[in-house]
């Protein structure tokens, strides 16, 4: 299972994507965006650290700031 930096709701709330679009259509696009655009910028080490913290539910304040202010917007 892939870890998403943004939810389908986030996409619908912050873009022109209509609420009627099925979440099943958005999820693969979110994964593609993360893999194609975010991973090369962050690098594997930082990427793995962020993923580990997101999965464990204990995201440090620095990583939370990075996610909220940069990675989520870039993924969108």
N, C-alpha and C. Protein backbone atom coordinates (compact mmCIF):
# COMPACT_ATOMS: atom_id res chain seq x y z
N UNK A 1 0.84 -1.18 0.00
CA UNK A 1 0.00 0.00 0.00
C UNK A 1 0.88 1.24 0.00
N UNK A 2 0.57 2.18 -0.85
CA UNK A 2 1.34 3.41 -0.97
C UNK A 2 0.92 4.40 0.12
N UNK A 3 1.88 5.18 0.56
CA UNK A 3 1.62 6.24 1.52
C UNK A 3 1.39 7.52 0.73
N UNK A 4 0.27 8.18 0.99
CA UNK A 4 -0.07 9.40 0.27
C UNK A 4 0.22 10.62 1.13
N UNK A 5 0.85 11.62 0.54
CA UNK A 5 1.11 12.88 1.24
C UNK A 5 -0.12 13.77 1.24
N UNK A 6 -1.02 13.55 0.30
CA UNK A 6 -2.28 14.29 0.25
C UNK A 6 -3.41 13.29 0.07
N UNK A 7 -4.56 13.67 0.52
CA UNK A 7 -5.73 12.81 0.37
C UNK A 7 -6.51 13.23 -0.88
N UNK A 8 -7.41 12.39 -1.27
CA UNK A 8 -8.29 12.70 -2.38
C UNK A 8 -9.12 13.93 -2.06
N UNK A 9 -9.54 14.06 -0.81
CA UNK A 9 -10.31 15.23 -0.36
C UNK A 9 -9.48 16.50 -0.52
N UNK A 10 -8.20 16.43 -0.17
CA UNK A 10 -7.30 17.58 -0.32
C UNK A 10 -7.25 18.01 -1.79
N UNK A 11 -7.16 17.06 -2.69
CA UNK A 11 -7.13 17.36 -4.12
C UNK A 11 -8.41 18.06 -4.54
N UNK A 12 -9.53 17.54 -4.12
CA UNK A 12 -10.81 18.12 -4.51
C UNK A 12 -11.02 19.50 -3.89
N UNK A 13 -10.56 19.69 -2.67
CA UNK A 13 -10.74 20.97 -1.98
C UNK A 13 -9.80 22.06 -2.49
N UNK A 14 -8.67 21.67 -3.07
CA UNK A 14 -7.65 22.64 -3.44
C UNK A 14 -7.33 22.67 -4.93
N UNK A 15 -8.22 22.16 -5.74
CA UNK A 15 -7.99 22.17 -7.18
C UNK A 15 -9.34 22.27 -7.90
N UNK A 16 -9.27 22.21 -9.21
CA UNK A 16 -10.48 22.28 -10.02
C UNK A 16 -11.17 20.92 -10.17
N UNK A 17 -10.65 19.90 -9.53
CA UNK A 17 -11.25 18.57 -9.59
C UNK A 17 -12.59 18.60 -8.87
N UNK A 18 -13.61 18.15 -9.53
CA UNK A 18 -14.97 18.18 -8.98
C UNK A 18 -15.15 17.09 -7.93
N UNK A 19 -16.03 17.33 -6.99
CA UNK A 19 -16.32 16.35 -5.94
C UNK A 19 -16.92 15.07 -6.48
N UNK A 20 -17.45 15.10 -7.69
CA UNK A 20 -18.06 13.91 -8.28
C UNK A 20 -17.04 12.94 -8.85
N UNK A 21 -15.79 13.34 -8.93
CA UNK A 21 -14.74 12.45 -9.44
C UNK A 21 -14.47 11.37 -8.41
N UNK A 22 -14.47 10.14 -8.85
CA UNK A 22 -14.26 8.99 -7.96
C UNK A 22 -12.84 9.00 -7.40
N UNK A 23 -12.73 8.77 -6.08
CA UNK A 23 -11.43 8.73 -5.41
C UNK A 23 -10.52 7.67 -6.02
N UNK A 24 -11.09 6.59 -6.53
CA UNK A 24 -10.30 5.52 -7.13
C UNK A 24 -9.53 6.01 -8.36
N UNK A 25 -10.01 7.06 -8.99
CA UNK A 25 -9.32 7.62 -10.14
C UNK A 25 -8.19 8.56 -9.71
N UNK A 26 -8.34 9.17 -8.55
CA UNK A 26 -7.34 10.14 -8.09
C UNK A 26 -6.14 9.48 -7.42
N UNK A 27 -6.36 8.40 -6.70
CA UNK A 27 -5.28 7.77 -5.94
C UNK A 27 -4.07 7.42 -6.80
N UNK A 28 -4.24 6.76 -7.95
CA UNK A 28 -3.06 6.45 -8.77
C UNK A 28 -2.34 7.70 -9.27
N UNK A 29 -3.08 8.77 -9.49
CA UNK A 29 -2.46 10.01 -9.95
C UNK A 29 -1.65 10.68 -8.84
N UNK A 30 -2.13 10.58 -7.61
CA UNK A 30 -1.38 11.11 -6.46
C UNK A 30 -0.08 10.33 -6.31
N UNK A 31 -0.16 9.03 -6.41
CA UNK A 31 1.03 8.18 -6.29
C UNK A 31 2.02 8.52 -7.40
N UNK A 32 1.53 8.66 -8.62
CA UNK A 32 2.39 9.01 -9.75
C UNK A 32 3.07 10.36 -9.53
N UNK A 33 2.31 11.32 -9.07
CA UNK A 33 2.87 12.65 -8.82
C UNK A 33 3.96 12.62 -7.76
N UNK A 34 3.72 11.90 -6.69
CA UNK A 34 4.73 11.76 -5.64
C UNK A 34 5.99 11.09 -6.16
N UNK A 35 5.81 9.99 -6.87
CA UNK A 35 6.95 9.22 -7.36
C UNK A 35 7.73 9.98 -8.44
N UNK A 36 7.04 10.70 -9.29
CA UNK A 36 7.68 11.36 -10.42
C UNK A 36 8.29 12.72 -10.05
N UNK A 37 7.63 13.44 -9.15
CA UNK A 37 8.06 14.81 -8.87
C UNK A 37 8.67 15.01 -7.49
N UNK A 38 8.15 14.35 -6.49
CA UNK A 38 8.61 14.59 -5.12
C UNK A 38 9.83 13.74 -4.77
N UNK A 39 9.80 12.47 -5.08
CA UNK A 39 10.93 11.58 -4.76
C UNK A 39 12.25 12.08 -5.34
N UNK A 40 12.31 12.50 -6.61
CA UNK A 40 13.60 12.98 -7.12
C UNK A 40 14.11 14.23 -6.41
N UNK A 41 13.21 15.05 -5.92
CA UNK A 41 13.62 16.27 -5.22
C UNK A 41 14.11 15.97 -3.82
N UNK A 42 13.38 15.12 -3.10
CA UNK A 42 13.74 14.83 -1.71
C UNK A 42 14.92 13.87 -1.61
N UNK A 43 15.03 12.97 -2.55
CA UNK A 43 16.05 11.93 -2.46
C UNK A 43 15.53 10.76 -1.64
N UNK A 44 16.13 9.63 -1.82
CA UNK A 44 15.64 8.40 -1.20
C UNK A 44 15.70 8.43 0.32
N UNK A 45 16.77 8.95 0.88
CA UNK A 45 16.94 8.95 2.33
C UNK A 45 15.85 9.79 3.02
N UNK A 46 15.67 11.03 2.58
CA UNK A 46 14.64 11.89 3.17
C UNK A 46 13.26 11.32 2.91
N UNK A 47 13.05 10.82 1.70
CA UNK A 47 11.77 10.20 1.33
C UNK A 47 11.42 9.07 2.29
N UNK A 48 12.37 8.17 2.52
CA UNK A 48 12.13 7.04 3.42
C UNK A 48 11.87 7.49 4.85
N UNK A 49 12.59 8.53 5.31
CA UNK A 49 12.36 9.06 6.65
C UNK A 49 10.94 9.61 6.79
N UNK A 50 10.51 10.36 5.80
CA UNK A 50 9.15 10.95 5.84
C UNK A 50 8.10 9.84 5.81
N UNK A 51 8.26 8.89 4.91
CA UNK A 51 7.31 7.78 4.79
C UNK A 51 7.22 7.02 6.11
N UNK A 52 8.36 6.72 6.71
CA UNK A 52 8.38 6.00 7.99
C UNK A 52 7.62 6.76 9.06
N UNK A 53 7.84 8.06 9.13
CA UNK A 53 7.15 8.85 10.15
C UNK A 53 5.65 8.97 9.87
N UNK A 54 5.28 9.11 8.62
CA UNK A 54 3.86 9.19 8.28
C UNK A 54 3.15 7.88 8.63
N UNK A 55 3.77 6.76 8.31
CA UNK A 55 3.18 5.45 8.60
C UNK A 55 3.04 5.25 10.11
N UNK A 56 4.06 5.65 10.87
CA UNK A 56 4.03 5.45 12.32
C UNK A 56 3.13 6.45 13.02
N UNK A 57 2.77 7.53 12.33
CA UNK A 57 1.89 8.54 12.92
C UNK A 57 2.62 9.50 13.84
N UNK A 58 3.93 9.52 13.79
CA UNK A 58 4.71 10.41 14.64
C UNK A 58 5.61 11.28 13.77
N UNK A 59 5.02 12.21 13.07
CA UNK A 59 5.77 13.09 12.17
C UNK A 59 6.35 14.23 12.99
N UNK A 60 7.67 14.41 12.89
CA UNK A 60 8.33 15.49 13.63
C UNK A 60 7.84 16.84 13.11
N UNK A 61 8.02 17.87 13.89
CA UNK A 61 7.53 19.20 13.51
C UNK A 61 8.22 19.70 12.23
N UNK A 62 9.50 19.40 12.08
CA UNK A 62 10.21 19.82 10.86
C UNK A 62 9.63 19.15 9.62
N UNK A 63 9.40 17.84 9.71
CA UNK A 63 8.84 17.12 8.58
C UNK A 63 7.38 17.51 8.35
N UNK A 64 6.65 17.79 9.41
CA UNK A 64 5.26 18.22 9.26
C UNK A 64 5.21 19.55 8.51
N UNK A 65 6.12 20.45 8.84
CA UNK A 65 6.21 21.73 8.15
C UNK A 65 6.56 21.51 6.67
N UNK A 66 7.50 20.64 6.41
CA UNK A 66 7.88 20.31 5.04
C UNK A 66 6.69 19.73 4.27
N UNK A 67 5.97 18.83 4.90
CA UNK A 67 4.80 18.23 4.25
C UNK A 67 3.71 19.27 3.98
N UNK A 68 3.34 20.01 5.02
CA UNK A 68 2.22 20.95 4.90
C UNK A 68 2.50 22.11 3.97
N UNK A 69 3.69 22.65 4.01
CA UNK A 69 3.97 23.88 3.28
C UNK A 69 4.62 23.68 1.92
N UNK A 70 5.16 22.49 1.67
CA UNK A 70 5.87 22.30 0.41
C UNK A 70 5.45 21.05 -0.35
N UNK A 71 5.58 19.88 0.27
CA UNK A 71 5.36 18.63 -0.45
C UNK A 71 3.90 18.43 -0.86
N UNK A 72 2.96 18.79 0.01
CA UNK A 72 1.56 18.62 -0.35
C UNK A 72 1.17 19.53 -1.51
N UNK A 73 1.62 20.77 -1.47
CA UNK A 73 1.31 21.70 -2.56
C UNK A 73 1.98 21.26 -3.86
N UNK A 74 3.20 20.78 -3.77
CA UNK A 74 3.90 20.33 -4.97
C UNK A 74 3.25 19.07 -5.54
N UNK A 75 2.79 18.19 -4.68
CA UNK A 75 2.10 16.98 -5.14
C UNK A 75 0.79 17.34 -5.82
N UNK A 76 0.10 18.31 -5.29
CA UNK A 76 -1.18 18.74 -5.88
C UNK A 76 -0.97 19.21 -7.31
